């Protein structure tokens, strides 16, 4: 089982790392921003126990979809930064915040559903 509070904290830290990278002159993006949506901690859980055990819950499928979208946006942001399109990267980062907030909301909803099952 996943620790939802820890997952939300790590998610926030991930977003902060990406934001810091975009706002700095650091030439190397944080490795966590390049990690596949299947290989990060949340993705590892989703594609092992999460979906196999709880994939019948609609919010779990939503979480999977939005999580994948978030990683795709992050990779696009990193690519923009690497091509010196910082303003475009910053704009995409602002757009990504909505998706990031949706992840937090879905984590809360899934956690609530799991709590009801216990």
PDB file of N, CA and C in Angstrom:
ATOM      1  N   UNK A   1       0.850  -1.185   0.000  1.00  0.00           N
ATOM      2  CA  UNK A   1       0.000   0.000   0.000  1.00  0.00           C
ATOM      3  C   UNK A   1       0.889   1.240   0.000  1.00  0.00           C
ATOM      4  N   UNK A   2       0.404   2.247  -0.611  1.00  0.00           N
ATOM      5  CA  UNK A   2       1.143   3.497  -0.734  1.00  0.00           C
ATOM      6  C   UNK A   2       0.800   4.423   0.448  1.00  0.00           C
ATOM      7  N   UNK A   3       1.764   5.195   0.876  1.00  0.00           N
ATOM      8  CA  UNK A   3       1.549   6.213   1.895  1.00  0.00           C
ATOM      9  C   UNK A   3       1.143   7.490   1.148  1.00  0.00           C
ATOM     10  N   UNK A   4      -0.124   7.840   1.199  1.00  0.00           N
ATOM     11  CA  UNK A   4      -0.640   8.952   0.408  1.00  0.00           C
ATOM     12  C   UNK A   4      -0.092  10.299   0.858  1.00  0.00           C
ATOM     13  N   UNK A   5       0.122  10.463   2.138  1.00  0.00           N
ATOM     14  CA  UNK A   5       0.698  11.719   2.623  1.00  0.00           C
ATOM     15  C   UNK A   5       2.107  11.890   2.085  1.00  0.00           C
ATOM     16  N   UNK A   6       2.886  10.844   2.133  1.00  0.00           N
ATOM     17  CA  UNK A   6       4.243  10.892   1.597  1.00  0.00           C
ATOM     18  C   UNK A   6       4.221  11.107   0.087  1.00  0.00           C
ATOM     19  N   UNK A   7       3.290  10.472  -0.603  1.00  0.00           N
ATOM     20  CA  UNK A   7       3.177  10.634  -2.055  1.00  0.00           C
ATOM     21  C   UNK A   7       2.885  12.094  -2.405  1.00  0.00           C
ATOM     22  N   UNK A   8       2.009  12.740  -1.638  1.00  0.00           N
ATOM     23  CA  UNK A   8       1.696  14.146  -1.892  1.00  0.00           C
ATOM     24  C   UNK A   8       2.900  15.034  -1.620  1.00  0.00           C
ATOM     25  N   UNK A   9       3.646  14.729  -0.581  1.00  0.00           N
ATOM     26  CA  UNK A   9       4.842  15.509  -0.256  1.00  0.00           C
ATOM     27  C   UNK A   9       5.883  15.357  -1.356  1.00  0.00           C
ATOM     28  N   UNK A  10       6.118  14.135  -1.784  1.00  0.00           N
ATOM     29  CA  UNK A  10       7.098  13.895  -2.849  1.00  0.00           C
ATOM     30  C   UNK A  10       6.655  14.550  -4.152  1.00  0.00           C
ATOM     31  N   UNK A  11       5.375  14.538  -4.406  1.00  0.00           N
ATOM     32  CA  UNK A  11       4.845  15.198  -5.605  1.00  0.00           C
ATOM     33  C   UNK A  11       5.144  16.701  -5.552  1.00  0.00           C
ATOM     34  N   UNK A  12       4.915  17.312  -4.410  1.00  0.00           N
ATOM     35  CA  UNK A  12       5.187  18.747  -4.259  1.00  0.00           C
ATOM     36  C   UNK A  12       6.678  19.039  -4.431  1.00  0.00           C
ATOM     37  N   UNK A  13       7.520  18.188  -3.874  1.00  0.00           N
ATOM     38  CA  UNK A  13       8.971  18.372  -4.007  1.00  0.00           C
ATOM     39  C   UNK A  13       9.395  18.224  -5.469  1.00  0.00           C
ATOM     40  N   UNK A  14       8.803  17.293  -6.171  1.00  0.00           N
ATOM     41  CA  UNK A  14       9.091  17.074  -7.585  1.00  0.00           C
ATOM     42  C   UNK A  14       8.792  18.338  -8.384  1.00  0.00           C
ATOM     43  N   UNK A  15       7.624  18.930  -8.133  1.00  0.00           N
ATOM     44  CA  UNK A  15       7.256  20.162  -8.815  1.00  0.00           C
ATOM     45  C   UNK A  15       8.186  21.311  -8.485  1.00  0.00           C
ATOM     46  N   UNK A  16       8.614  21.368  -7.235  1.00  0.00           N
ATOM     47  CA  UNK A  16       9.554  22.412  -6.816  1.00  0.00           C
ATOM     48  C   UNK A  16      10.904  22.247  -7.506  1.00  0.00           C
ATOM     49  N   UNK A  17      11.366  21.021  -7.639  1.00  0.00           N
ATOM     50  CA  UNK A  17      12.634  20.769  -8.343  1.00  0.00           C
ATOM     51  C   UNK A  17      12.555  21.229  -9.786  1.00  0.00           C
ATOM     52  N   UNK A  18      11.441  20.941 -10.430  1.00  0.00           N
ATOM     53  CA  UNK A  18      11.274  21.359 -11.817  1.00  0.00           C
ATOM     54  C   UNK A  18      11.229  22.877 -11.921  1.00  0.00           C
ATOM     55  N   UNK A  19      10.499  23.499 -11.041  1.00  0.00           N
ATOM     56  CA  UNK A  19      10.401  24.960 -11.036  1.00  0.00           C
ATOM     57  C   UNK A  19      11.757  25.614 -10.785  1.00  0.00           C
ATOM     58  N   UNK A  20      12.513  25.056  -9.854  1.00  0.00           N
ATOM     59  CA  UNK A  20      13.843  25.580  -9.545  1.00  0.00           C
ATOM     60  C   UNK A  20      14.760  25.455 -10.759  1.00  0.00           C
ATOM     61  N   UNK A  21      14.684  24.331 -11.433  1.00  0.00           N
ATOM     62  CA  UNK A  21      15.493  24.118 -12.635  1.00  0.00           C
ATOM     63  C   UNK A  21      15.162  25.166 -13.706  1.00  0.00           C
ATOM     64  N   UNK A  22      13.902  25.422 -13.929  1.00  0.00           N
ATOM     65  CA  UNK A  22      13.498  26.375 -14.963  1.00  0.00           C
ATOM     66  C   UNK A  22      13.974  27.777 -14.609  1.00  0.00           C
ATOM     67  N   UNK A  23      13.951  28.111 -13.343  1.00  0.00           N
ATOM     68  CA  UNK A  23      14.334  29.454 -12.912  1.00  0.00           C
ATOM     69  C   UNK A  23      15.813  29.665 -12.691  1.00  0.00           C
ATOM     70  N   UNK A  24      16.609  28.629 -12.904  1.00  0.00           N
ATOM     71  CA  UNK A  24      18.042  28.749 -12.640  1.00  0.00           C
ATOM     72  C   UNK A  24      18.842  28.603 -13.930  1.00  0.00           C
ATOM     73  N   UNK A  25      20.132  28.831 -13.803  1.00  0.00           N
ATOM     74  CA  UNK A  25      21.023  28.644 -14.944  1.00  0.00           C
ATOM     75  C   UNK A  25      21.623  27.242 -14.953  1.00  0.00           C
ATOM     76  N   UNK A  26      21.149  26.390 -14.071  1.00  0.00           N
ATOM     77  CA  UNK A  26      21.632  25.015 -13.980  1.00  0.00           C
ATOM     78  C   UNK A  26      21.372  24.309 -15.313  1.00  0.00           C
ATOM     79  N   UNK A  27      22.396  23.767 -15.893  1.00  0.00           N
ATOM     80  CA  UNK A  27      22.272  23.140 -17.214  1.00  0.00           C
ATOM     81  C   UNK A  27      21.740  21.720 -17.151  1.00  0.00           C
ATOM     82  N   UNK A  28      21.675  21.138 -15.981  1.00  0.00           N
ATOM     83  CA  UNK A  28      21.254  19.749 -15.854  1.00  0.00           C
ATOM     84  C   UNK A  28      19.897  19.673 -15.163  1.00  0.00           C
ATOM     85  N   UNK A  29      18.914  19.131 -15.848  1.00  0.00           N
ATOM     86  CA  UNK A  29      17.601  19.004 -15.204  1.00  0.00           C
ATOM     87  C   UNK A  29      17.643  17.951 -14.106  1.00  0.00           C
ATOM     88  N   UNK A  30      16.823  18.103 -13.099  1.00  0.00           N
ATOM     89  CA  UNK A  30      16.784  17.077 -12.053  1.00  0.00           C
ATOM     90  C   UNK A  30      16.356  15.735 -12.629  1.00  0.00           C
ATOM     91  N   UNK A  31      17.032  14.699 -12.238  1.00  0.00           N
ATOM     92  CA  UNK A  31      16.731  13.358 -12.761  1.00  0.00           C
ATOM     93  C   UNK A  31      15.271  12.992 -12.529  1.00  0.00           C
ATOM     94  N   UNK A  32      14.707  13.449 -11.425  1.00  0.00           N
ATOM     95  CA  UNK A  32      13.323  13.112 -11.101  1.00  0.00           C
ATOM     96  C   UNK A  32      12.341  13.662 -12.131  1.00  0.00           C
ATOM     97  N   UNK A  33      12.724  14.695 -12.857  1.00  0.00           N
ATOM     98  CA  UNK A  33      11.841  15.282 -13.861  1.00  0.00           C
ATOM     99  C   UNK A  33      11.904  14.538 -15.189  1.00  0.00           C
ATOM    100  N   UNK A  34      12.897  13.710 -15.342  1.00  0.00           N
ATOM    101  CA  UNK A  34      13.050  12.951 -16.580  1.00  0.00           C
ATOM    102  C   UNK A  34      12.596  11.506 -16.421  1.00  0.00           C
ATOM    103  N   UNK A  35      12.291  11.129 -15.201  1.00  0.00           N
ATOM    104  CA  UNK A  35      11.860   9.768 -14.925  1.00  0.00           C
ATOM    105  C   UNK A  35      10.529   9.480 -15.606  1.00  0.00           C
ATOM    106  N   UNK A  36      10.421   8.339 -16.189  1.00  0.00           N
ATOM    107  CA  UNK A  36       9.188   7.903 -16.835  1.00  0.00           C
ATOM    108  C   UNK A  36       8.046   7.848 -15.818  1.00  0.00           C
ATOM    109  N   UNK A  37       6.857   8.086 -16.301  1.00  0.00           N
ATOM    110  CA  UNK A  37       5.682   8.001 -15.430  1.00  0.00           C
ATOM    111  C   UNK A  37       5.498   6.590 -14.874  1.00  0.00           C
ATOM    112  N   UNK A  38       6.115   5.611 -15.480  1.00  0.00           N
ATOM    113  CA  UNK A  38       6.037   4.238 -14.974  1.00  0.00           C
ATOM    114  C   UNK A  38       7.135   3.947 -13.946  1.00  0.00           C
ATOM    115  N   UNK A  39       8.191   4.749 -13.941  1.00  0.00           N
ATOM    116  CA  UNK A  39       9.349   4.444 -13.098  1.00  0.00           C
ATOM    117  C   UNK A  39       9.448   5.293 -11.834  1.00  0.00           C
ATOM    118  N   UNK A  40       8.684   6.377 -11.741  1.00  0.00           N
ATOM    119  CA  UNK A  40       8.720   7.159 -10.510  1.00  0.00           C
ATOM    120  C   UNK A  40       8.009   6.352  -9.415  1.00  0.00           C
ATOM    121  N   UNK A  41       8.076   6.822  -8.192  1.00  0.00           N
ATOM    122  CA  UNK A  41       7.485   6.064  -7.074  1.00  0.00           C
ATOM    123  C   UNK A  41       5.984   5.837  -7.261  1.00  0.00           C
ATOM    124  N   UNK A  42       5.264   6.894  -7.640  1.00  0.00           N
ATOM    125  CA  UNK A  42       3.824   6.742  -7.831  1.00  0.00           C
ATOM    126  C   UNK A  42       3.538   5.801  -8.994  1.00  0.00           C
ATOM    127  N   UNK A  43       4.267   5.955 -10.082  1.00  0.00           N
ATOM    128  CA  UNK A  43       4.084   5.077 -11.239  1.00  0.00           C
ATOM    129  C   UNK A  43       4.400   3.629 -10.920  1.00  0.00           C
ATOM    130  N   UNK A  44       5.460   3.410 -10.156  1.00  0.00           N
ATOM    131  CA  UNK A  44       5.817   2.050  -9.763  1.00  0.00           C
ATOM    132  C   UNK A  44       4.670   1.403  -9.000  1.00  0.00           C
ATOM    133  N   UNK A  45       4.081   2.149  -8.065  1.00  0.00           N
ATOM    134  CA  UNK A  45       2.951   1.619  -7.308  1.00  0.00           C
ATOM    135  C   UNK A  45       1.737   1.410  -8.215  1.00  0.00           C
ATOM    136  N   UNK A  46       1.428   2.416  -9.055  1.00  0.00           N
ATOM    137  CA  UNK A  46       0.263   2.302  -9.932  1.00  0.00           C
ATOM    138  C   UNK A  46       0.332   1.059 -10.800  1.00  0.00           C
ATOM    139  N   UNK A  47       1.513   0.818 -11.395  1.00  0.00           N
ATOM    140  CA  UNK A  47       1.633  -0.268 -12.368  1.00  0.00           C
ATOM    141  C   UNK A  47       2.033  -1.596 -11.741  1.00  0.00           C
ATOM    142  N   UNK A  48       2.089  -1.645 -10.433  1.00  0.00           N
ATOM    143  CA  UNK A  48       2.281  -2.930  -9.763  1.00  0.00           C
ATOM    144  C   UNK A  48       0.993  -3.230  -8.986  1.00  0.00           C
ATOM    145  N   UNK A  49       0.920  -2.809  -7.750  1.00  0.00           N
ATOM    146  CA  UNK A  49      -0.235  -3.123  -6.910  1.00  0.00           C
ATOM    147  C   UNK A  49      -1.455  -2.248  -7.182  1.00  0.00           C
ATOM    148  N   UNK A  50      -1.232  -0.977  -7.447  1.00  0.00           N
ATOM    149  CA  UNK A  50      -2.333  -0.025  -7.523  1.00  0.00           C
ATOM    150  C   UNK A  50      -3.431  -0.397  -8.497  1.00  0.00           C
ATOM    151  N   UNK A  51      -3.090  -0.483  -9.762  1.00  0.00           N
ATOM    152  CA  UNK A  51      -4.118  -0.754 -10.762  1.00  0.00           C
ATOM    153  C   UNK A  51      -4.580  -2.200 -10.753  1.00  0.00           C
ATOM    154  N   UNK A  52      -3.682  -3.128 -10.438  1.00  0.00           N
ATOM    155  CA  UNK A  52      -4.113  -4.529 -10.417  1.00  0.00           C
ATOM    156  C   UNK A  52      -5.108  -4.782  -9.287  1.00  0.00           C
ATOM    157  N   UNK A  53      -4.955  -4.097  -8.174  1.00  0.00           N
ATOM    158  CA  UNK A  53      -5.855  -4.297  -7.039  1.00  0.00           C
ATOM    159  C   UNK A  53      -7.051  -3.348  -7.039  1.00  0.00           C
ATOM    160  N   UNK A  54      -6.852  -2.131  -7.532  1.00  0.00           N
ATOM    161  CA  UNK A  54      -7.882  -1.105  -7.378  1.00  0.00           C
ATOM    162  C   UNK A  54      -8.260  -0.416  -8.685  1.00  0.00           C
ATOM    163  N   UNK A  55      -7.838  -0.969  -9.810  1.00  0.00           N
ATOM    164  CA  UNK A  55      -8.104  -0.355 -11.101  1.00  0.00           C
ATOM    165  C   UNK A  55      -9.579  -0.250 -11.450  1.00  0.00           C
ATOM    166  N   UNK A  56     -10.426  -0.970 -10.740  1.00  0.00           N
ATOM    167  CA  UNK A  56     -11.863  -0.896 -10.997  1.00  0.00           C
ATOM    168  C   UNK A  56     -12.484   0.380 -10.431  1.00  0.00           C
ATOM    169  N   UNK A  57     -11.727   1.116  -9.603  1.00  0.00           N
ATOM    170  CA  UNK A  57     -12.210   2.400  -9.097  1.00  0.00           C
ATOM    171  C   UNK A  57     -11.937   3.475 -10.152  1.00  0.00           C
ATOM    172  N   UNK A  58     -12.959   4.211 -10.566  1.00  0.00           N
ATOM    173  CA  UNK A  58     -12.759   5.231 -11.601  1.00  0.00           C
ATOM    174  C   UNK A  58     -11.669   6.254 -11.252  1.00  0.00           C
ATOM    175  N   UNK A  59     -11.554   6.626  -9.997  1.00  0.00           N
ATOM    176  CA  UNK A  59     -10.547   7.623  -9.615  1.00  0.00           C
ATOM    177  C   UNK A  59      -9.124   7.085  -9.791  1.00  0.00           C
ATOM    178  N   UNK A  60      -8.960   5.774  -9.713  1.00  0.00           N
ATOM    179  CA  UNK A  60      -7.629   5.200  -9.959  1.00  0.00           C
ATOM    180  C   UNK A  60      -7.261   5.346 -11.427  1.00  0.00           C
ATOM    181  N   UNK A  61      -8.200   5.135 -12.302  1.00  0.00           N
ATOM    182  CA  UNK A  61      -7.951   5.308 -13.745  1.00  0.00           C
ATOM    183  C   UNK A  61      -7.688   6.780 -14.058  1.00  0.00           C
ATOM    184  N   UNK A  62      -8.425   7.666 -13.376  1.00  0.00           N
ATOM    185  CA  UNK A  62      -8.178   9.103 -13.545  1.00  0.00           C
ATOM    186  C   UNK A  62      -6.776   9.457 -13.079  1.00  0.00           C
ATOM    187  N   UNK A  63      -6.375   8.896 -11.942  1.00  0.00           N
ATOM    188  CA  UNK A  63      -5.042   9.156 -11.401  1.00  0.00           C
ATOM    189  C   UNK A  63      -3.970   8.699 -12.386  1.00  0.00           C
ATOM    190  N   UNK A  64      -4.163   7.536 -12.971  1.00  0.00           N
ATOM    191  CA  UNK A  64      -3.200   7.031 -13.953  1.00  0.00           C
ATOM    192  C   UNK A  64      -3.083   7.990 -15.140  1.00  0.00           C
ATOM    193  N   UNK A  65      -4.208   8.412 -15.676  1.00  0.00           N
ATOM    194  CA  UNK A  65      -4.228   9.286 -16.854  1.00  0.00           C
ATOM    195  C   UNK A  65      -3.579  10.642 -16.557  1.00  0.00           C
ATOM    196  N   UNK A  66      -3.953  11.248 -15.455  1.00  0.00           N
ATOM    197  CA  UNK A  66      -3.436  12.575 -15.114  1.00  0.00           C
ATOM    198  C   UNK A  66      -1.957  12.491 -14.742  1.00  0.00           C
ATOM    199  N   UNK A  67      -1.559  11.424 -14.099  1.00  0.00           N
ATOM    200  CA  UNK A  67      -0.152  11.227 -13.744  1.00  0.00           C
ATOM    201  C   UNK A  67       0.704  11.146 -15.004  1.00  0.00           C
ATOM    202  N   UNK A  68       0.241  10.411 -15.986  1.00  0.00           N
ATOM    203  CA  UNK A  68       0.966  10.305 -17.262  1.00  0.00           C
ATOM    204  C   UNK A  68       1.045  11.681 -17.927  1.00  0.00           C
ATOM    205  N   UNK A  69      -0.052  12.409 -17.923  1.00  0.00           N
ATOM    206  CA  UNK A  69      -0.092  13.750 -18.510  1.00  0.00           C
ATOM    207  C   UNK A  69       0.912  14.676 -17.820  1.00  0.00           C
ATOM    208  N   UNK A  70       0.996  14.589 -16.514  1.00  0.00           N
ATOM    209  CA  UNK A  70       1.926  15.426 -15.753  1.00  0.00           C
ATOM    210  C   UNK A  70       3.373  15.171 -16.180  1.00  0.00           C
ATOM    211  N   UNK A  71       3.740  13.914 -16.319  1.00  0.00           N
ATOM    212  CA  UNK A  71       5.106  13.584 -16.734  1.00  0.00           C
ATOM    213  C   UNK A  71       5.385  14.054 -18.165  1.00  0.00           C
ATOM    214  N   UNK A  72       4.409  13.916 -19.027  1.00  0.00           N
ATOM    215  CA  UNK A  72       4.588  14.392 -20.403  1.00  0.00           C
ATOM    216  C   UNK A  72       4.825  15.900 -20.423  1.00  0.00           C
ATOM    217  N   UNK A  73       4.075  16.633 -19.618  1.00  0.00           N
ATOM    218  CA  UNK A  73       4.249  18.084 -19.543  1.00  0.00           C
ATOM    219  C   UNK A  73       5.627  18.432 -18.982  1.00  0.00           C
ATOM    220  N   UNK A  74       6.057  17.704 -17.959  1.00  0.00           N
ATOM    221  CA  UNK A  74       7.372  17.973 -17.355  1.00  0.00           C
ATOM    222  C   UNK A  74       8.480  17.752 -18.379  1.00  0.00           C
ATOM    223  N   UNK A  75       8.371  16.698 -19.147  1.00  0.00           N
ATOM    224  CA  UNK A  75       9.398  16.443 -20.162  1.00  0.00           C
ATOM    225  C   UNK A  75       9.386  17.521 -21.236  1.00  0.00           C
ATOM    226  N   UNK A  76       8.214  18.023 -21.571  1.00  0.00           N
ATOM    227  CA  UNK A  76       8.123  19.123 -22.536  1.00  0.00           C
ATOM    228  C   UNK A  76       8.767  20.392 -21.960  1.00  0.00           C
ATOM    229  N   UNK A  77       8.546  20.644 -20.698  1.00  0.00           N
ATOM    230  CA  UNK A  77       9.141  21.810 -20.029  1.00  0.00           C
ATOM    231  C   UNK A  77      10.658  21.723 -20.052  1.00  0.00           C
ATOM    232  N   UNK A  78      11.185  20.563 -19.734  1.00  0.00           N
ATOM    233  CA  UNK A  78      12.638  20.368 -19.742  1.00  0.00           C
ATOM    234  C   UNK A  78      13.187  20.588 -21.153  1.00  0.00           C
ATOM    235  N   UNK A  79      12.505  20.059 -22.153  1.00  0.00           N
ATOM    236  CA  UNK A  79      12.947  20.241 -23.535  1.00  0.00           C
ATOM    237  C   UNK A  79      12.950  21.722 -23.922  1.00  0.00           C
ATOM    238  N   UNK A  80      11.916  22.438 -23.549  1.00  0.00           N
ATOM    239  CA  UNK A  80      11.860  23.878 -23.833  1.00  0.00           C
ATOM    240  C   UNK A  80      13.037  24.596 -23.190  1.00  0.00           C
ATOM    241  N   UNK A  81      13.312  24.284 -21.942  1.00  0.00           N
ATOM    242  CA  UNK A  81      14.436  24.913 -21.224  1.00  0.00           C
ATOM    243  C   UNK A  81      15.755  24.579 -21.922  1.00  0.00           C
ATOM    244  N   UNK A  82      15.922  23.333 -22.324  1.00  0.00           N
ATOM    245  CA  UNK A  82      17.160  22.922 -22.987  1.00  0.00           C
ATOM    246  C   UNK A  82      17.355  23.627 -24.322  1.00  0.00           C
ATOM    247  N   UNK A  83      16.263  24.084 -24.923  1.00  0.00           N
ATOM    248  CA  UNK A  83      16.340  24.822 -26.178  1.00  0.00           C
ATOM    249  C   UNK A  83      16.282  26.340 -25.938  1.00  0.00           C
ATOM    250  N   UNK A  84      16.592  26.738 -24.711  1.00  0.00           N
ATOM    251  CA  UNK A  84      16.632  28.152 -24.317  1.00  0.00           C
ATOM    252  C   UNK A  84      15.311  28.881 -24.537  1.00  0.00           C
ATOM    253  N   UNK A  85      14.228  28.170 -24.446  1.00  0.00           N
ATOM    254  CA  UNK A  85      12.897  28.764 -24.542  1.00  0.00           C
ATOM    255  C   UNK A  85      12.303  28.859 -23.133  1.00  0.00           C
ATOM    256  N   UNK A  86      12.989  29.655 -22.323  1.00  0.00           N
ATOM    257  CA  UNK A  86      12.655  29.732 -20.897  1.00  0.00           C
ATOM    258  C   UNK A  86      11.255  30.292 -20.681  1.00  0.00           C
ATOM    259  N   UNK A  87      10.884  31.328 -21.398  1.00  0.00           N
ATOM    260  CA  UNK A  87       9.548  31.911 -21.226  1.00  0.00           C
ATOM    261  C   UNK A  87       8.462  30.882 -21.541  1.00  0.00           C
ATOM    262  N   UNK A  88       8.650  30.114 -22.602  1.00  0.00           N
ATOM    263  CA  UNK A  88       7.683  29.065 -22.949  1.00  0.00           C
ATOM    264  C   UNK A  88       7.663  27.977 -21.879  1.00  0.00           C
ATOM    265  N   UNK A  89       8.834  27.638 -21.350  1.00  0.00           N
ATOM    266  CA  UNK A  89       8.920  26.638 -20.275  1.00  0.00           C
ATOM    267  C   UNK A  89       8.188  27.129 -19.032  1.00  0.00           C
ATOM    268  N   UNK A  90       8.368  28.396 -18.709  1.00  0.00           N
ATOM    269  CA  UNK A  90       7.683  28.960 -17.542  1.00  0.00           C
ATOM    270  C   UNK A  90       6.169  28.973 -17.747  1.00  0.00           C
ATOM    271  N   UNK A  91       5.722  29.293 -18.947  1.00  0.00           N
ATOM    272  CA  UNK A  91       4.285  29.291 -19.237  1.00  0.00           C
ATOM    273  C   UNK A  91       3.727  27.876 -19.115  1.00  0.00           C
ATOM    274  N   UNK A  92       4.440  26.905 -19.642  1.00  0.00           N
ATOM    275  CA  UNK A  92       3.995  25.512 -19.554  1.00  0.00           C
ATOM    276  C   UNK A  92       3.978  25.045 -18.100  1.00  0.00           C
ATOM    277  N   UNK A  93       4.928  25.541 -17.310  1.00  0.00           N
ATOM    278  CA  UNK A  93       4.972  25.211 -15.879  1.00  0.00           C
ATOM    279  C   UNK A  93       3.725  25.730 -15.172  1.00  0.00           C
ATOM    280  N   UNK A  94       3.286  26.919 -15.551  1.00  0.00           N
ATOM    281  CA  UNK A  94       2.053  27.480 -14.985  1.00  0.00           C
ATOM    282  C   UNK A  94       0.861  26.602 -15.379  1.00  0.00           C
ATOM    283  N   UNK A  95       0.808  26.187 -16.631  1.00  0.00           N
ATOM    284  CA  UNK A  95      -0.265  25.290 -17.091  1.00  0.00           C
ATOM    285  C   UNK A  95      -0.219  23.961 -16.350  1.00  0.00           C
ATOM    286  N   UNK A  96       0.981  23.486 -16.083  1.00  0.00           N
ATOM    287  CA  UNK A  96       1.142  22.206 -15.410  1.00  0.00           C
ATOM    288  C   UNK A  96       0.626  22.249 -13.973  1.00  0.00           C
ATOM    289  N   UNK A  97       0.573  23.426 -13.380  1.00  0.00           N
ATOM    290  CA  UNK A  97       0.114  23.544 -11.994  1.00  0.00           C
ATOM    291  C   UNK A  97      -1.314  23.031 -11.830  1.00  0.00           C
ATOM    292  N   UNK A  98      -2.158  23.258 -12.828  1.00  0.00           N
ATOM    293  CA  UNK A  98      -3.530  22.753 -12.776  1.00  0.00           C
ATOM    294  C   UNK A  98      -3.532  21.228 -12.734  1.00  0.00           C
ATOM    295  N   UNK A  99      -2.702  20.623 -13.544  1.00  0.00           N
ATOM    296  CA  UNK A  99      -2.597  19.162 -13.582  1.00  0.00           C
ATOM    297  C   UNK A  99      -2.018  18.659 -12.259  1.00  0.00           C
ATOM    298  N   UNK A 100      -1.035  19.366 -11.744  1.00  0.00           N
ATOM    299  CA  UNK A 100      -0.425  18.997 -10.472  1.00  0.00           C
ATOM    300  C   UNK A 100      -1.453  19.028  -9.337  1.00  0.00           C
ATOM    301  N   UNK A 101      -2.270  20.061  -9.328  1.00  0.00           N
ATOM    302  CA  UNK A 101      -3.325  20.160  -8.307  1.00  0.00           C
ATOM    303  C   UNK A 101      -4.335  19.029  -8.451  1.00  0.00           C
ATOM    304  N   UNK A 102      -4.605  18.637  -9.679  1.00  0.00           N
ATOM    305  CA  UNK A 102      -5.529  17.528  -9.910  1.00  0.00           C
ATOM    306  C   UNK A 102      -4.951  16.222  -9.359  1.00  0.00           C
ATOM    307  N   UNK A 103      -3.646  16.037  -9.498  1.00  0.00           N
ATOM    308  CA  UNK A 103      -2.990  14.851  -8.918  1.00  0.00           C
ATOM    309  C   UNK A 103      -3.214  14.828  -7.403  1.00  0.00           C
ATOM    310  N   UNK A 104      -2.980  15.967  -6.752  1.00  0.00           N
ATOM    311  CA  UNK A 104      -3.164  16.037  -5.296  1.00  0.00           C
ATOM    312  C   UNK A 104      -4.604  15.721  -4.913  1.00  0.00           C
ATOM    313  N   UNK A 105      -5.545  16.261  -5.664  1.00  0.00           N
ATOM    314  CA  UNK A 105      -6.958  16.000  -5.412  1.00  0.00           C
ATOM    315  C   UNK A 105      -7.279  14.510  -5.580  1.00  0.00           C
ATOM    316  N   UNK A 106      -6.775  13.918  -6.647  1.00  0.00           N
ATOM    317  CA  UNK A 106      -7.035  12.500  -6.888  1.00  0.00           C
ATOM    318  C   UNK A 106      -6.390  11.615  -5.834  1.00  0.00           C
ATOM    319  N   UNK A 107      -5.195  11.989  -5.387  1.00  0.00           N
ATOM    320  CA  UNK A 107      -4.565  11.220  -4.310  1.00  0.00           C
ATOM    321  C   UNK A 107      -5.432  11.261  -3.056  1.00  0.00           C
ATOM    322  N   UNK A 108      -6.009  12.419  -2.756  1.00  0.00           N
ATOM    323  CA  UNK A 108      -6.913  12.521  -1.608  1.00  0.00           C
ATOM    324  C   UNK A 108      -8.149  11.648  -1.803  1.00  0.00           C
ATOM    325  N   UNK A 109      -8.717  11.673  -3.006  1.00  0.00           N
ATOM    326  CA  UNK A 109      -9.929  10.898  -3.270  1.00  0.00           C
ATOM    327  C   UNK A 109      -9.663   9.397  -3.201  1.00  0.00           C
ATOM    328  N   UNK A 110      -8.543   8.974  -3.772  1.00  0.00           N
ATOM    329  CA  UNK A 110      -8.201   7.550  -3.739  1.00  0.00           C
ATOM    330  C   UNK A 110      -7.926   7.119  -2.298  1.00  0.00           C
ATOM    331  N   UNK A 111      -7.209   7.946  -1.560  1.00  0.00           N
ATOM    332  CA  UNK A 111      -6.937   7.644  -0.151  1.00  0.00           C
ATOM    333  C   UNK A 111      -8.250   7.522   0.621  1.00  0.00           C
ATOM    334  N   UNK A 112      -9.187   8.412   0.368  1.00  0.00           N
ATOM    335  CA  UNK A 112     -10.485   8.366   1.037  1.00  0.00           C
ATOM    336  C   UNK A 112     -11.203   7.056   0.717  1.00  0.00           C
ATOM    337  N   UNK A 113     -11.150   6.646  -0.543  1.00  0.00           N
ATOM    338  CA  UNK A 113     -11.809   5.402  -0.952  1.00  0.00           C
ATOM    339  C   UNK A 113     -11.163   4.204  -0.252  1.00  0.00           C
ATOM    340  N   UNK A 114      -9.832   4.211  -0.169  1.00  0.00           N
ATOM    341  CA  UNK A 114      -9.142   3.114   0.510  1.00  0.00           C
ATOM    342  C   UNK A 114      -9.483   3.078   1.979  1.00  0.00           C
ATOM    343  N   UNK A 115      -9.606   4.248   2.587  1.00  0.00           N
ATOM    344  CA  UNK A 115      -9.957   4.320   4.009  1.00  0.00           C
ATOM    345  C   UNK A 115     -11.351   3.740   4.250  1.00  0.00           C
ATOM    346  N   UNK A 116     -12.255   3.965   3.329  1.00  0.00           N
ATOM    347  CA  UNK A 116     -13.611   3.417   3.444  1.00  0.00           C
ATOM    348  C   UNK A 116     -13.607   1.893   3.366  1.00  0.00           C
ATOM    349  N   UNK A 117     -12.629   1.339   2.651  1.00  0.00           N
ATOM    350  CA  UNK A 117     -12.552  -0.113   2.493  1.00  0.00           C
ATOM    351  C   UNK A 117     -11.985  -0.824   3.708  1.00  0.00           C
ATOM    352  N   UNK A 118     -11.246  -0.077   4.510  1.00  0.00           N
ATOM    353  CA  UNK A 118     -10.593  -0.710   5.665  1.00  0.00           C
ATOM    354  C   UNK A 118     -11.535  -0.963   6.784  1.00  0.00           C
TER     355      UNK A 118
END
